[in-house]
């Protein structure tokens, strides 16, 4: 069932949030496990988990609203699979940029 224009951003946002948590929760747990004895390193896992939540809430809302605005301007309905693809695509882009930025500093 196609979504109404006001519901489009919400579907994309939820998929971006869920897929971001899918990547950041295991990374945060791995950081917590490996750095648990380090004096300050154990707090890095908290930062990773916060970025998995705060990032999609701030930037995810804006980009999801922009995507929904384009769909609305085009007069096109969004099926749930498109929301899934666009939401996980946002997370994929963030993960790729994050890895490329870290490797550039080495």
PDB file of N, CA and C in Angstrom:
ATOM      1  N   UNK A   1       0.841  -1.175   0.000  1.00  0.00           N
ATOM      2  CA  UNK A   1       0.000   0.000   0.000  1.00  0.00           C
ATOM      3  C   UNK A   1       0.892   1.247   0.000  1.00  0.00           C
ATOM      4  N   UNK A   2       0.735   2.140  -0.964  1.00  0.00           N
ATOM      5  CA  UNK A   2       1.569   3.341  -1.032  1.00  0.00           C
ATOM      6  C   UNK A   2       1.330   4.252   0.161  1.00  0.00           C
ATOM      7  N   UNK A   3       2.371   4.986   0.527  1.00  0.00           N
ATOM      8  CA  UNK A   3       2.282   5.870   1.673  1.00  0.00           C
ATOM      9  C   UNK A   3       1.864   7.269   1.250  1.00  0.00           C
ATOM     10  N   UNK A   4       1.179   7.961   2.161  1.00  0.00           N
ATOM     11  CA  UNK A   4       0.826   9.349   1.919  1.00  0.00           C
ATOM     12  C   UNK A   4       2.068  10.209   2.092  1.00  0.00           C
ATOM     13  N   UNK A   5       2.075  11.404   1.522  1.00  0.00           N
ATOM     14  CA  UNK A   5       3.282  12.246   1.581  1.00  0.00           C
ATOM     15  C   UNK A   5       3.763  12.549   2.995  1.00  0.00           C
ATOM     16  N   UNK A   6       2.862  12.717   3.943  1.00  0.00           N
ATOM     17  CA  UNK A   6       3.285  13.046   5.304  1.00  0.00           C
ATOM     18  C   UNK A   6       3.911  11.851   6.020  1.00  0.00           C
ATOM     19  N   UNK A   7       3.665  10.651   5.543  1.00  0.00           N
ATOM     20  CA  UNK A   7       4.222   9.455   6.169  1.00  0.00           C
ATOM     21  C   UNK A   7       5.511   8.986   5.502  1.00  0.00           C
ATOM     22  N   UNK A   8       5.845   9.557   4.365  1.00  0.00           N
ATOM     23  CA  UNK A   8       7.029   9.082   3.639  1.00  0.00           C
ATOM     24  C   UNK A   8       8.308   9.304   4.420  1.00  0.00           C
ATOM     25  N   UNK A   9       8.509  10.475   4.984  1.00  0.00           N
ATOM     26  CA  UNK A   9       9.751  10.767   5.687  1.00  0.00           C
ATOM     27  C   UNK A   9       9.899   9.868   6.900  1.00  0.00           C
ATOM     28  N   UNK A  10       8.794   9.522   7.519  1.00  0.00           N
ATOM     29  CA  UNK A  10       8.846   8.713   8.729  1.00  0.00           C
ATOM     30  C   UNK A  10       9.353   7.295   8.439  1.00  0.00           C
ATOM     31  N   UNK A  11       8.910   6.711   7.341  1.00  0.00           N
ATOM     32  CA  UNK A  11       9.375   5.367   6.965  1.00  0.00           C
ATOM     33  C   UNK A  11      10.857   5.351   6.648  1.00  0.00           C
ATOM     34  N   UNK A  12      11.319   6.341   5.890  1.00  0.00           N
ATOM     35  CA  UNK A  12      12.737   6.414   5.547  1.00  0.00           C
ATOM     36  C   UNK A  12      13.557   6.651   6.814  1.00  0.00           C
ATOM     37  N   UNK A  13      13.079   7.532   7.695  1.00  0.00           N
ATOM     38  CA  UNK A  13      13.787   7.828   8.934  1.00  0.00           C
ATOM     39  C   UNK A  13      13.904   6.586   9.822  1.00  0.00           C
ATOM     40  N   UNK A  14      12.819   5.834   9.971  1.00  0.00           N
ATOM     41  CA  UNK A  14      12.870   4.647  10.827  1.00  0.00           C
ATOM     42  C   UNK A  14      13.846   3.609  10.291  1.00  0.00           C
ATOM     43  N   UNK A  15      13.873   3.413   8.971  1.00  0.00           N
ATOM     44  CA  UNK A  15      14.818   2.451   8.416  1.00  0.00           C
ATOM     45  C   UNK A  15      16.250   2.935   8.581  1.00  0.00           C
ATOM     46  N   UNK A  16      16.472   4.247   8.455  1.00  0.00           N
ATOM     47  CA  UNK A  16      17.823   4.776   8.669  1.00  0.00           C
ATOM     48  C   UNK A  16      18.252   4.580  10.116  1.00  0.00           C
ATOM     49  N   UNK A  17      17.333   4.785  11.055  1.00  0.00           N
ATOM     50  CA  UNK A  17      17.653   4.615  12.474  1.00  0.00           C
ATOM     51  C   UNK A  17      17.930   3.152  12.807  1.00  0.00           C
ATOM     52  N   UNK A  18      17.087   2.256  12.332  1.00  0.00           N
ATOM     53  CA  UNK A  18      17.256   0.825  12.624  1.00  0.00           C
ATOM     54  C   UNK A  18      18.540   0.290  12.000  1.00  0.00           C
ATOM     55  N   UNK A  19      18.805   0.657  10.754  1.00  0.00           N
ATOM     56  CA  UNK A  19      20.019   0.151  10.111  1.00  0.00           C
ATOM     57  C   UNK A  19      21.269   0.765  10.746  1.00  0.00           C
ATOM     58  N   UNK A  20      21.184   2.006  11.223  1.00  0.00           N
ATOM     59  CA  UNK A  20      22.320   2.605  11.914  1.00  0.00           C
ATOM     60  C   UNK A  20      22.590   1.881  13.226  1.00  0.00           C
ATOM     61  N   UNK A  21      21.547   1.557  13.955  1.00  0.00           N
ATOM     62  CA  UNK A  21      21.726   0.799  15.192  1.00  0.00           C
ATOM     63  C   UNK A  21      22.277  -0.589  14.913  1.00  0.00           C
ATOM     64  N   UNK A  22      21.906  -1.165  13.765  1.00  0.00           N
ATOM     65  CA  UNK A  22      22.410  -2.478  13.375  1.00  0.00           C
ATOM     66  C   UNK A  22      23.929  -2.466  13.234  1.00  0.00           C
ATOM     67  N   UNK A  23      24.498  -1.352  12.784  1.00  0.00           N
ATOM     68  CA  UNK A  23      25.946  -1.242  12.645  1.00  0.00           C
ATOM     69  C   UNK A  23      26.617  -0.768  13.931  1.00  0.00           C
ATOM     70  N   UNK A  24      26.010   0.188  14.626  1.00  0.00           N
ATOM     71  CA  UNK A  24      26.687   0.827  15.738  1.00  0.00           C
ATOM     72  C   UNK A  24      26.629   0.034  17.048  1.00  0.00           C
ATOM     73  N   UNK A  25      25.574  -0.719  17.283  1.00  0.00           N
ATOM     74  CA  UNK A  25      25.496  -1.496  18.523  1.00  0.00           C
ATOM     75  C   UNK A  25      26.584  -2.573  18.574  1.00  0.00           C
ATOM     76  N   UNK A  26      26.772  -3.385  17.526  1.00  0.00           N
ATOM     77  CA  UNK A  26      27.887  -4.345  17.594  1.00  0.00           C
ATOM     78  C   UNK A  26      29.250  -3.668  17.687  1.00  0.00           C
ATOM     79  N   UNK A  27      29.437  -2.537  16.993  1.00  0.00           N
ATOM     80  CA  UNK A  27      30.712  -1.825  17.073  1.00  0.00           C
ATOM     81  C   UNK A  27      30.942  -1.288  18.481  1.00  0.00           C
ATOM     82  N   UNK A  28      29.903  -0.761  19.102  1.00  0.00           N
ATOM     83  CA  UNK A  28      30.032  -0.268  20.470  1.00  0.00           C
ATOM     84  C   UNK A  28      30.316  -1.381  21.460  1.00  0.00           C
ATOM     85  N   UNK A  29      29.657  -2.520  21.296  1.00  0.00           N
ATOM     86  CA  UNK A  29      29.914  -3.651  22.179  1.00  0.00           C
ATOM     87  C   UNK A  29      31.322  -4.204  21.990  1.00  0.00           C
ATOM     88  N   UNK A  30      31.785  -4.245  20.749  1.00  0.00           N
ATOM     89  CA  UNK A  30      33.151  -4.690  20.485  1.00  0.00           C
ATOM     90  C   UNK A  30      34.161  -3.731  21.115  1.00  0.00           C
ATOM     91  N   UNK A  31      33.911  -2.427  20.993  1.00  0.00           N
ATOM     92  CA  UNK A  31      34.810  -1.446  21.610  1.00  0.00           C
ATOM     93  C   UNK A  31      34.785  -1.575  23.128  1.00  0.00           C
ATOM     94  N   UNK A  32      33.612  -1.790  23.695  1.00  0.00           N
ATOM     95  CA  UNK A  32      33.514  -1.950  25.143  1.00  0.00           C
ATOM     96  C   UNK A  32      34.265  -3.194  25.604  1.00  0.00           C
ATOM     97  N   UNK A  33      34.133  -4.282  24.859  1.00  0.00           N
ATOM     98  CA  UNK A  33      34.810  -5.529  25.227  1.00  0.00           C
ATOM     99  C   UNK A  33      36.327  -5.412  25.114  1.00  0.00           C
ATOM    100  N   UNK A  34      36.812  -4.807  24.035  1.00  0.00           N
ATOM    101  CA  UNK A  34      38.255  -4.751  23.827  1.00  0.00           C
ATOM    102  C   UNK A  34      38.935  -3.666  24.663  1.00  0.00           C
ATOM    103  N   UNK A  35      38.217  -2.610  25.016  1.00  0.00           N
ATOM    104  CA  UNK A  35      38.817  -1.503  25.765  1.00  0.00           C
ATOM    105  C   UNK A  35      38.335  -1.439  27.210  1.00  0.00           C
ATOM    106  N   UNK A  36      37.812  -2.515  27.740  1.00  0.00           N
ATOM    107  CA  UNK A  36      37.207  -2.469  29.069  1.00  0.00           C
ATOM    108  C   UNK A  36      38.209  -2.190  30.180  1.00  0.00           C
ATOM    109  N   UNK A  37      39.487  -2.505  29.978  1.00  0.00           N
ATOM    110  CA  UNK A  37      40.495  -2.272  31.010  1.00  0.00           C
ATOM    111  C   UNK A  37      41.225  -0.942  30.831  1.00  0.00           C
ATOM    112  N   UNK A  38      40.981  -0.269  29.736  1.00  0.00           N
ATOM    113  CA  UNK A  38      41.645   1.012  29.475  1.00  0.00           C
ATOM    114  C   UNK A  38      40.979   2.111  30.294  1.00  0.00           C
ATOM    115  N   UNK A  39      41.798   3.041  30.780  1.00  0.00           N
ATOM    116  CA  UNK A  39      41.279   4.072  31.682  1.00  0.00           C
ATOM    117  C   UNK A  39      40.238   4.963  31.007  1.00  0.00           C
ATOM    118  N   UNK A  40      40.534   5.440  29.809  1.00  0.00           N
ATOM    119  CA  UNK A  40      39.605   6.321  29.101  1.00  0.00           C
ATOM    120  C   UNK A  40      38.991   5.666  27.862  1.00  0.00           C
ATOM    121  N   UNK A  41      39.602   4.612  27.384  1.00  0.00           N
ATOM    122  CA  UNK A  41      39.141   3.966  26.160  1.00  0.00           C
ATOM    123  C   UNK A  41      37.757   3.359  26.264  1.00  0.00           C
ATOM    124  N   UNK A  42      37.361   2.957  27.458  1.00  0.00           N
ATOM    125  CA  UNK A  42      36.042   2.326  27.596  1.00  0.00           C
ATOM    126  C   UNK A  42      34.910   3.297  27.293  1.00  0.00           C
ATOM    127  N   UNK A  43      35.192   4.596  27.391  1.00  0.00           N
ATOM    128  CA  UNK A  43      34.161   5.591  27.093  1.00  0.00           C
ATOM    129  C   UNK A  43      33.969   5.790  25.595  1.00  0.00           C
ATOM    130  N   UNK A  44      34.877   5.271  24.790  1.00  0.00           N
ATOM    131  CA  UNK A  44      34.715   5.351  23.333  1.00  0.00           C
ATOM    132  C   UNK A  44      33.500   4.562  22.874  1.00  0.00           C
ATOM    133  N   UNK A  45      33.193   3.479  23.562  1.00  0.00           N
ATOM    134  CA  UNK A  45      32.024   2.690  23.185  1.00  0.00           C
ATOM    135  C   UNK A  45      30.740   3.489  23.403  1.00  0.00           C
ATOM    136  N   UNK A  46      30.718   4.319  24.430  1.00  0.00           N
ATOM    137  CA  UNK A  46      29.556   5.181  24.655  1.00  0.00           C
ATOM    138  C   UNK A  46      29.418   6.176  23.512  1.00  0.00           C
ATOM    139  N   UNK A  47      30.534   6.721  23.056  1.00  0.00           N
ATOM    140  CA  UNK A  47      30.503   7.638  21.915  1.00  0.00           C
ATOM    141  C   UNK A  47      30.013   6.973  20.645  1.00  0.00           C
ATOM    142  N   UNK A  48      30.441   5.741  20.431  1.00  0.00           N
ATOM    143  CA  UNK A  48      29.995   5.002  19.247  1.00  0.00           C
ATOM    144  C   UNK A  48      28.494   4.755  19.307  1.00  0.00           C
ATOM    145  N   UNK A  49      28.004   4.352  20.475  1.00  0.00           N
ATOM    146  CA  UNK A  49      26.563   4.115  20.619  1.00  0.00           C
ATOM    147  C   UNK A  49      25.762   5.405  20.471  1.00  0.00           C
ATOM    148  N   UNK A  50      26.277   6.502  21.019  1.00  0.00           N
ATOM    149  CA  UNK A  50      25.572   7.780  20.877  1.00  0.00           C
ATOM    150  C   UNK A  50      25.517   8.237  19.421  1.00  0.00           C
ATOM    151  N   UNK A  51      26.609   8.021  18.679  1.00  0.00           N
ATOM    152  CA  UNK A  51      26.600   8.391  17.267  1.00  0.00           C
ATOM    153  C   UNK A  51      25.634   7.525  16.463  1.00  0.00           C
ATOM    154  N   UNK A  52      25.412   6.317  16.915  1.00  0.00           N
ATOM    155  CA  UNK A  52      24.445   5.452  16.248  1.00  0.00           C
ATOM    156  C   UNK A  52      23.016   5.896  16.454  1.00  0.00           C
ATOM    157  N   UNK A  53      22.785   6.703  17.491  1.00  0.00           N
ATOM    158  CA  UNK A  53      21.435   7.196  17.773  1.00  0.00           C
ATOM    159  C   UNK A  53      21.288   8.659  17.381  1.00  0.00           C
ATOM    160  N   UNK A  54      22.250   9.486  17.788  1.00  0.00           N
ATOM    161  CA  UNK A  54      22.148  10.928  17.554  1.00  0.00           C
ATOM    162  C   UNK A  54      22.296  11.276  16.069  1.00  0.00           C
ATOM    163  N   UNK A  55      23.179  10.593  15.377  1.00  0.00           N
ATOM    164  CA  UNK A  55      23.389  10.865  13.953  1.00  0.00           C
ATOM    165  C   UNK A  55      22.131  10.703  13.117  1.00  0.00           C
ATOM    166  N   UNK A  56      21.463   9.549  13.193  1.00  0.00           N
ATOM    167  CA  UNK A  56      20.235   9.400  12.413  1.00  0.00           C
ATOM    168  C   UNK A  56      19.099  10.324  12.876  1.00  0.00           C
ATOM    169  N   UNK A  57      19.091  10.661  14.168  1.00  0.00           N
ATOM    170  CA  UNK A  57      18.013  11.537  14.632  1.00  0.00           C
ATOM    171  C   UNK A  57      18.202  12.944  14.075  1.00  0.00           C
ATOM    172  N   UNK A  58      19.413  13.448  14.061  1.00  0.00           N
ATOM    173  CA  UNK A  58      19.620  14.810  13.573  1.00  0.00           C
ATOM    174  C   UNK A  58      19.682  14.862  12.042  1.00  0.00           C
ATOM    175  N   UNK A  59      20.649  14.198  11.465  1.00  0.00           N
ATOM    176  CA  UNK A  59      20.804  14.244  10.010  1.00  0.00           C
ATOM    177  C   UNK A  59      19.775  13.378   9.302  1.00  0.00           C
ATOM    178  N   UNK A  60      19.380  12.288   9.920  1.00  0.00           N
ATOM    179  CA  UNK A  60      18.410  11.389   9.292  1.00  0.00           C
ATOM    180  C   UNK A  60      17.051  12.019   9.091  1.00  0.00           C
ATOM    181  N   UNK A  61      16.622  12.832  10.047  1.00  0.00           N
ATOM    182  CA  UNK A  61      15.339  13.512   9.889  1.00  0.00           C
ATOM    183  C   UNK A  61      15.395  14.485   8.725  1.00  0.00           C
ATOM    184  N   UNK A  62      16.496  15.227   8.625  1.00  0.00           N
ATOM    185  CA  UNK A  62      16.614  16.213   7.543  1.00  0.00           C
ATOM    186  C   UNK A  62      16.674  15.554   6.168  1.00  0.00           C
ATOM    187  N   UNK A  63      17.496  14.520   6.033  1.00  0.00           N
ATOM    188  CA  UNK A  63      17.607  13.876   4.727  1.00  0.00           C
ATOM    189  C   UNK A  63      16.340  13.103   4.367  1.00  0.00           C
ATOM    190  N   UNK A  64      15.690  12.512   5.359  1.00  0.00           N
ATOM    191  CA  UNK A  64      14.434  11.806   5.084  1.00  0.00           C
ATOM    192  C   UNK A  64      13.345  12.781   4.655  1.00  0.00           C
ATOM    193  N   UNK A  65      13.309  13.939   5.280  1.00  0.00           N
ATOM    194  CA  UNK A  65      12.334  14.955   4.884  1.00  0.00           C
ATOM    195  C   UNK A  65      12.636  15.473   3.477  1.00  0.00           C
ATOM    196  N   UNK A  66      13.911  15.610   3.133  1.00  0.00           N
ATOM    197  CA  UNK A  66      14.277  16.050   1.792  1.00  0.00           C
ATOM    198  C   UNK A  66      13.871  15.016   0.742  1.00  0.00           C
ATOM    199  N   UNK A  67      14.086  13.750   1.044  1.00  0.00           N
ATOM    200  CA  UNK A  67      13.687  12.687   0.114  1.00  0.00           C
ATOM    201  C   UNK A  67      12.170  12.674  -0.057  1.00  0.00           C
ATOM    202  N   UNK A  68      11.440  12.792   1.049  1.00  0.00           N
ATOM    203  CA  UNK A  68       9.981  12.816   0.972  1.00  0.00           C
ATOM    204  C   UNK A  68       9.494  14.041   0.218  1.00  0.00           C
ATOM    205  N   UNK A  69      10.203  15.155   0.360  1.00  0.00           N
ATOM    206  CA  UNK A  69       9.839  16.358  -0.395  1.00  0.00           C
ATOM    207  C   UNK A  69      10.004  16.182  -1.890  1.00  0.00           C
ATOM    208  N   UNK A  70      11.047  15.486  -2.287  1.00  0.00           N
ATOM    209  CA  UNK A  70      11.255  15.214  -3.715  1.00  0.00           C
ATOM    210  C   UNK A  70      10.154  14.300  -4.238  1.00  0.00           C
ATOM    211  N   UNK A  71       9.822  13.275  -3.470  1.00  0.00           N
ATOM    212  CA  UNK A  71       8.749  12.374  -3.882  1.00  0.00           C
ATOM    213  C   UNK A  71       7.420  13.118  -3.984  1.00  0.00           C
ATOM    214  N   UNK A  72       7.158  13.991  -3.026  1.00  0.00           N
ATOM    215  CA  UNK A  72       5.909  14.745  -3.028  1.00  0.00           C
ATOM    216  C   UNK A  72       5.863  15.711  -4.207  1.00  0.00           C
ATOM    217  N   UNK A  73       6.982  16.385  -4.487  1.00  0.00           N
ATOM    218  CA  UNK A  73       7.026  17.316  -5.616  1.00  0.00           C
ATOM    219  C   UNK A  73       6.842  16.591  -6.944  1.00  0.00           C
ATOM    220  N   UNK A  74       7.322  15.356  -7.003  1.00  0.00           N
ATOM    221  CA  UNK A  74       7.167  14.568  -8.229  1.00  0.00           C
ATOM    222  C   UNK A  74       5.784  13.938  -8.328  1.00  0.00           C
ATOM    223  N   UNK A  75       5.019  13.999  -7.245  1.00  0.00           N
ATOM    224  CA  UNK A  75       3.688  13.394  -7.253  1.00  0.00           C
ATOM    225  C   UNK A  75       3.726  11.879  -7.233  1.00  0.00           C
ATOM    226  N   UNK A  76       4.791  11.320  -6.693  1.00  0.00           N
ATOM    227  CA  UNK A  76       4.985   9.872  -6.682  1.00  0.00           C
ATOM    228  C   UNK A  76       4.713   9.329  -5.287  1.00  0.00           C
ATOM    229  N   UNK A  77       4.100   8.175  -5.207  1.00  0.00           N
ATOM    230  CA  UNK A  77       3.898   7.490  -3.936  1.00  0.00           C
ATOM    231  C   UNK A  77       5.122   6.638  -3.623  1.00  0.00           C
ATOM    232  N   UNK A  78       5.340   6.400  -2.341  1.00  0.00           N
ATOM    233  CA  UNK A  78       6.483   5.603  -1.913  1.00  0.00           C
ATOM    234  C   UNK A  78       5.988   4.285  -1.338  1.00  0.00           C
ATOM    235  N   UNK A  79       6.459   3.184  -1.908  1.00  0.00           N
ATOM    236  CA  UNK A  79       6.120   1.880  -1.364  1.00  0.00           C
ATOM    237  C   UNK A  79       7.099   1.573  -0.222  1.00  0.00           C
ATOM    238  N   UNK A  80       6.753   0.688   0.693  1.00  0.00           N
ATOM    239  CA  UNK A  80       7.642   0.405   1.834  1.00  0.00           C
ATOM    240  C   UNK A  80       9.039  -0.076   1.441  1.00  0.00           C
ATOM    241  N   UNK A  81       9.162  -0.800   0.334  1.00  0.00           N
ATOM    242  CA  UNK A  81      10.487  -1.264  -0.079  1.00  0.00           C
ATOM    243  C   UNK A  81      11.385  -0.094  -0.463  1.00  0.00           C
ATOM    244  N   UNK A  82      10.809   0.946  -1.057  1.00  0.00           N
ATOM    245  CA  UNK A  82      11.598   2.138  -1.377  1.00  0.00           C
ATOM    246  C   UNK A  82      12.080   2.827  -0.108  1.00  0.00           C
ATOM    247  N   UNK A  83      11.226   2.876   0.918  1.00  0.00           N
ATOM    248  CA  UNK A  83      11.632   3.461   2.195  1.00  0.00           C
ATOM    249  C   UNK A  83      12.777   2.655   2.801  1.00  0.00           C
ATOM    250  N   UNK A  84      12.697   1.336   2.718  1.00  0.00           N
ATOM    251  CA  UNK A  84      13.771   0.466   3.207  1.00  0.00           C
ATOM    252  C   UNK A  84      15.069   0.741   2.463  1.00  0.00           C
ATOM    253  N   UNK A  85      14.994   0.811   1.153  1.00  0.00           N
ATOM    254  CA  UNK A  85      16.183   1.028   0.336  1.00  0.00           C
ATOM    255  C   UNK A  85      16.813   2.384   0.614  1.00  0.00           C
ATOM    256  N   UNK A  86      15.999   3.420   0.703  1.00  0.00           N
ATOM    257  CA  UNK A  86      16.534   4.757   0.937  1.00  0.00           C
ATOM    258  C   UNK A  86      17.076   4.912   2.356  1.00  0.00           C
ATOM    259  N   UNK A  87      16.416   4.326   3.339  1.00  0.00           N
ATOM    260  CA  UNK A  87      16.894   4.413   4.725  1.00  0.00           C
ATOM    261  C   UNK A  87      18.196   3.671   4.941  1.00  0.00           C
ATOM    262  N   UNK A  88      18.280   2.455   4.430  1.00  0.00           N
ATOM    263  CA  UNK A  88      19.530   1.705   4.577  1.00  0.00           C
ATOM    264  C   UNK A  88      20.632   2.298   3.696  1.00  0.00           C
ATOM    265  N   UNK A  89      20.239   2.913   2.595  1.00  0.00           N
ATOM    266  CA  UNK A  89      21.222   3.602   1.741  1.00  0.00           C
ATOM    267  C   UNK A  89      21.877   4.771   2.451  1.00  0.00           C
ATOM    268  N   UNK A  90      21.101   5.484   3.249  1.00  0.00           N
ATOM    269  CA  UNK A  90      21.667   6.574   4.036  1.00  0.00           C
ATOM    270  C   UNK A  90      22.711   6.043   5.016  1.00  0.00           C
ATOM    271  N   UNK A  91      22.383   4.969   5.696  1.00  0.00           N
ATOM    272  CA  UNK A  91      23.327   4.386   6.646  1.00  0.00           C
ATOM    273  C   UNK A  91      24.561   3.862   5.934  1.00  0.00           C
ATOM    274  N   UNK A  92      24.387   3.226   4.793  1.00  0.00           N
ATOM    275  CA  UNK A  92      25.514   2.719   4.025  1.00  0.00           C
ATOM    276  C   UNK A  92      26.462   3.859   3.643  1.00  0.00           C
ATOM    277  N   UNK A  93      25.908   4.984   3.211  1.00  0.00           N
ATOM    278  CA  UNK A  93      26.743   6.135   2.844  1.00  0.00           C
ATOM    279  C   UNK A  93      27.509   6.665   4.046  1.00  0.00           C
ATOM    280  N   UNK A  94      26.870   6.718   5.205  1.00  0.00           N
ATOM    281  CA  UNK A  94      27.541   7.191   6.420  1.00  0.00           C
ATOM    282  C   UNK A  94      28.666   6.239   6.811  1.00  0.00           C
ATOM    283  N   UNK A  95      28.433   4.941   6.720  1.00  0.00           N
ATOM    284  CA  UNK A  95      29.468   3.963   7.077  1.00  0.00           C
ATOM    285  C   UNK A  95      30.646   4.057   6.115  1.00  0.00           C
ATOM    286  N   UNK A  96      30.394   4.192   4.827  1.00  0.00           N
ATOM    287  CA  UNK A  96      31.474   4.294   3.843  1.00  0.00           C
ATOM    288  C   UNK A  96      32.294   5.554   4.085  1.00  0.00           C
ATOM    289  N   UNK A  97      31.633   6.681   4.294  1.00  0.00           N
ATOM    290  CA  UNK A  97      32.353   7.927   4.549  1.00  0.00           C
ATOM    291  C   UNK A  97      33.154   7.837   5.843  1.00  0.00           C
ATOM    292  N   UNK A  98      32.605   7.194   6.858  1.00  0.00           N
ATOM    293  CA  UNK A  98      33.321   7.044   8.129  1.00  0.00           C
ATOM    294  C   UNK A  98      34.593   6.220   7.956  1.00  0.00           C
ATOM    295  N   UNK A  99      34.515   5.128   7.215  1.00  0.00           N
ATOM    296  CA  UNK A  99      35.702   4.301   7.002  1.00  0.00           C
ATOM    297  C   UNK A  99      36.735   5.032   6.156  1.00  0.00           C
ATOM    298  N   UNK A 100      36.306   5.744   5.136  1.00  0.00           N
ATOM    299  CA  UNK A 100      37.259   6.454   4.289  1.00  0.00           C
ATOM    300  C   UNK A 100      37.940   7.586   5.046  1.00  0.00           C
ATOM    301  N   UNK A 101      37.237   8.242   5.931  1.00  0.00           N
ATOM    302  CA  UNK A 101      37.817   9.333   6.699  1.00  0.00           C
ATOM    303  C   UNK A 101      38.859   8.810   7.687  1.00  0.00           C
ATOM    304  N   UNK A 102      38.608   7.680   8.309  1.00  0.00           N
ATOM    305  CA  UNK A 102      39.574   7.113   9.256  1.00  0.00           C
ATOM    306  C   UNK A 102      40.832   6.655   8.518  1.00  0.00           C
ATOM    307  N   UNK A 103      40.658   6.000   7.382  1.00  0.00           N
ATOM    308  CA  UNK A 103      41.824   5.514   6.648  1.00  0.00           C
ATOM    309  C   UNK A 103      42.665   6.658   6.111  1.00  0.00           C
ATOM    310  N   UNK A 104      42.071   7.801   5.842  1.00  0.00           N
ATOM    311  CA  UNK A 104      42.829   8.930   5.339  1.00  0.00           C
ATOM    312  C   UNK A 104      43.734   9.521   6.397  1.00  0.00           C
ATOM    313  N   UNK A 105      43.441   9.297   7.661  1.00  0.00           N
ATOM    314  CA  UNK A 105      44.264   9.863   8.727  1.00  0.00           C
ATOM    315  C   UNK A 105      45.443   8.964   9.109  1.00  0.00           C
ATOM    316  N   UNK A 106      45.462   7.736   8.613  1.00  0.00           N
ATOM    317  CA  UNK A 106      46.554   6.823   8.989  1.00  0.00           C
ATOM    318  C   UNK A 106      47.856   7.144   8.293  1.00  0.00           C
TER     319      UNK A 106
END
